[in-house]
Amino acid sequence: DRAPDHPVASRFQDWTLDAPSIRTQLRFGEVVGRKDGLKSAAAWELANPPPVIDTAQFDYPAEDARWAQFQEKP
């Protein structure tokens, strides 16, 4: 329920994916460029905000602590 203790996140945190290899094997290519995609996504988010934002869902100190654990790995 929260990222730091989430069993799926902890199971896969050490995986490394090789995006170019996957893209080559699957013959995947971007349909929209990064810049246009981000602009489109941001425009959609601004036009479709959630009706209610429950700030109790957010635990920024826990997220920061989890992120710090990843930064400390060699």
Protein backbone atom coordinates (compact mmCIF):
# COMPACT_ATOMS: atom_id res chain seq x y z
CA ASP A 1 0.00 0.00 0.00
CA ARG A 2 2.93 2.35 0.43
CA ALA A 3 5.97 2.14 -1.82
CA PRO A 4 8.65 1.59 0.85
CA ASP A 5 6.95 -1.55 2.17
CA HIS A 6 5.31 -2.73 -1.03
CA PRO A 7 6.21 -6.41 -1.63
CA VAL A 8 6.19 -6.14 -5.42
CA ALA A 9 8.44 -3.08 -5.42
CA SER A 10 10.96 -4.71 -3.10
CA ARG A 11 10.97 -7.91 -5.19
CA PHE A 12 11.91 -6.11 -8.40
CA GLN A 13 14.05 -3.26 -7.12
CA ASP A 14 17.32 -4.87 -8.19
CA TRP A 15 16.26 -5.66 -11.75
CA THR A 16 18.02 -3.92 -14.59
CA LEU A 17 16.35 -3.63 -17.96
CA ASP A 18 18.17 -3.09 -21.23
CA ALA A 19 15.73 -0.86 -23.12
CA PRO A 20 17.64 -0.78 -26.44
CA SER A 21 17.80 -4.59 -26.51
CA ILE A 22 14.10 -4.94 -25.73
CA ARG A 23 13.21 -2.33 -28.35
CA THR A 24 15.30 -4.14 -30.97
CA GLN A 25 13.91 -7.57 -30.16
CA LEU A 26 10.32 -6.34 -30.12
CA ARG A 27 10.85 -3.93 -33.02
CA PHE A 28 9.41 -1.16 -30.88
CA GLY A 29 9.67 2.48 -31.81
CA GLU A 30 8.18 5.59 -30.28
CA VAL A 31 5.04 6.81 -32.02
CA VAL A 32 5.35 10.26 -30.48
CA GLY A 33 8.57 12.01 -29.52
CA ARG A 34 9.43 12.57 -25.85
CA LYS A 35 8.84 16.33 -25.91
CA ASP A 36 5.46 16.07 -27.67
CA GLY A 37 4.43 13.16 -25.47
CA LEU A 38 5.21 15.05 -22.28
CA LYS A 39 3.38 18.14 -23.53
CA SER A 40 0.35 16.04 -24.43
CA ALA A 41 0.36 14.18 -21.11
CA ALA A 42 0.71 17.42 -19.11
CA ALA A 43 -2.13 19.03 -21.08
CA TRP A 44 -4.36 16.01 -20.42
CA GLU A 45 -3.54 16.00 -16.69
CA LEU A 46 -4.33 19.71 -16.42
CA ALA A 47 -7.62 19.25 -18.30
CA ASN A 48 -8.63 16.17 -16.24
CA PRO A 49 -7.74 16.74 -12.59
CA PRO A 50 -9.02 14.23 -10.05
CA PRO A 51 -12.26 15.36 -8.41
CA VAL A 52 -10.78 14.95 -4.92
CA ILE A 53 -7.18 14.71 -3.79
CA ASP A 54 -6.70 12.82 -0.55
CA THR A 55 -3.43 14.19 0.81
CA ALA A 56 -3.40 11.42 3.44
CA GLN A 57 -2.34 9.06 0.61
CA PHE A 58 1.01 10.80 0.34
CA ASP A 59 3.91 10.07 2.66
CA TYR A 60 6.75 12.12 1.25
CA PRO A 61 9.19 11.44 4.11
CA ALA A 62 8.79 7.68 3.50
CA GLU A 63 9.31 8.16 -0.25
CA ASP A 64 12.43 10.25 0.40
CA ALA A 65 13.81 7.60 2.77
CA ARG A 66 13.20 4.86 0.20
CA TRP A 67 14.84 6.90 -2.55
CA ALA A 68 17.85 7.50 -0.30
CA GLN A 69 18.30 3.72 0.02
CA PHE A 70 18.65 3.43 -3.75
CA GLN A 71 21.14 6.30 -3.86
CA GLU A 72 23.39 4.63 -1.30
CA LYS A 73 23.89 1.42 -3.32
CA PRO A 74 27.28 1.15 -5.06
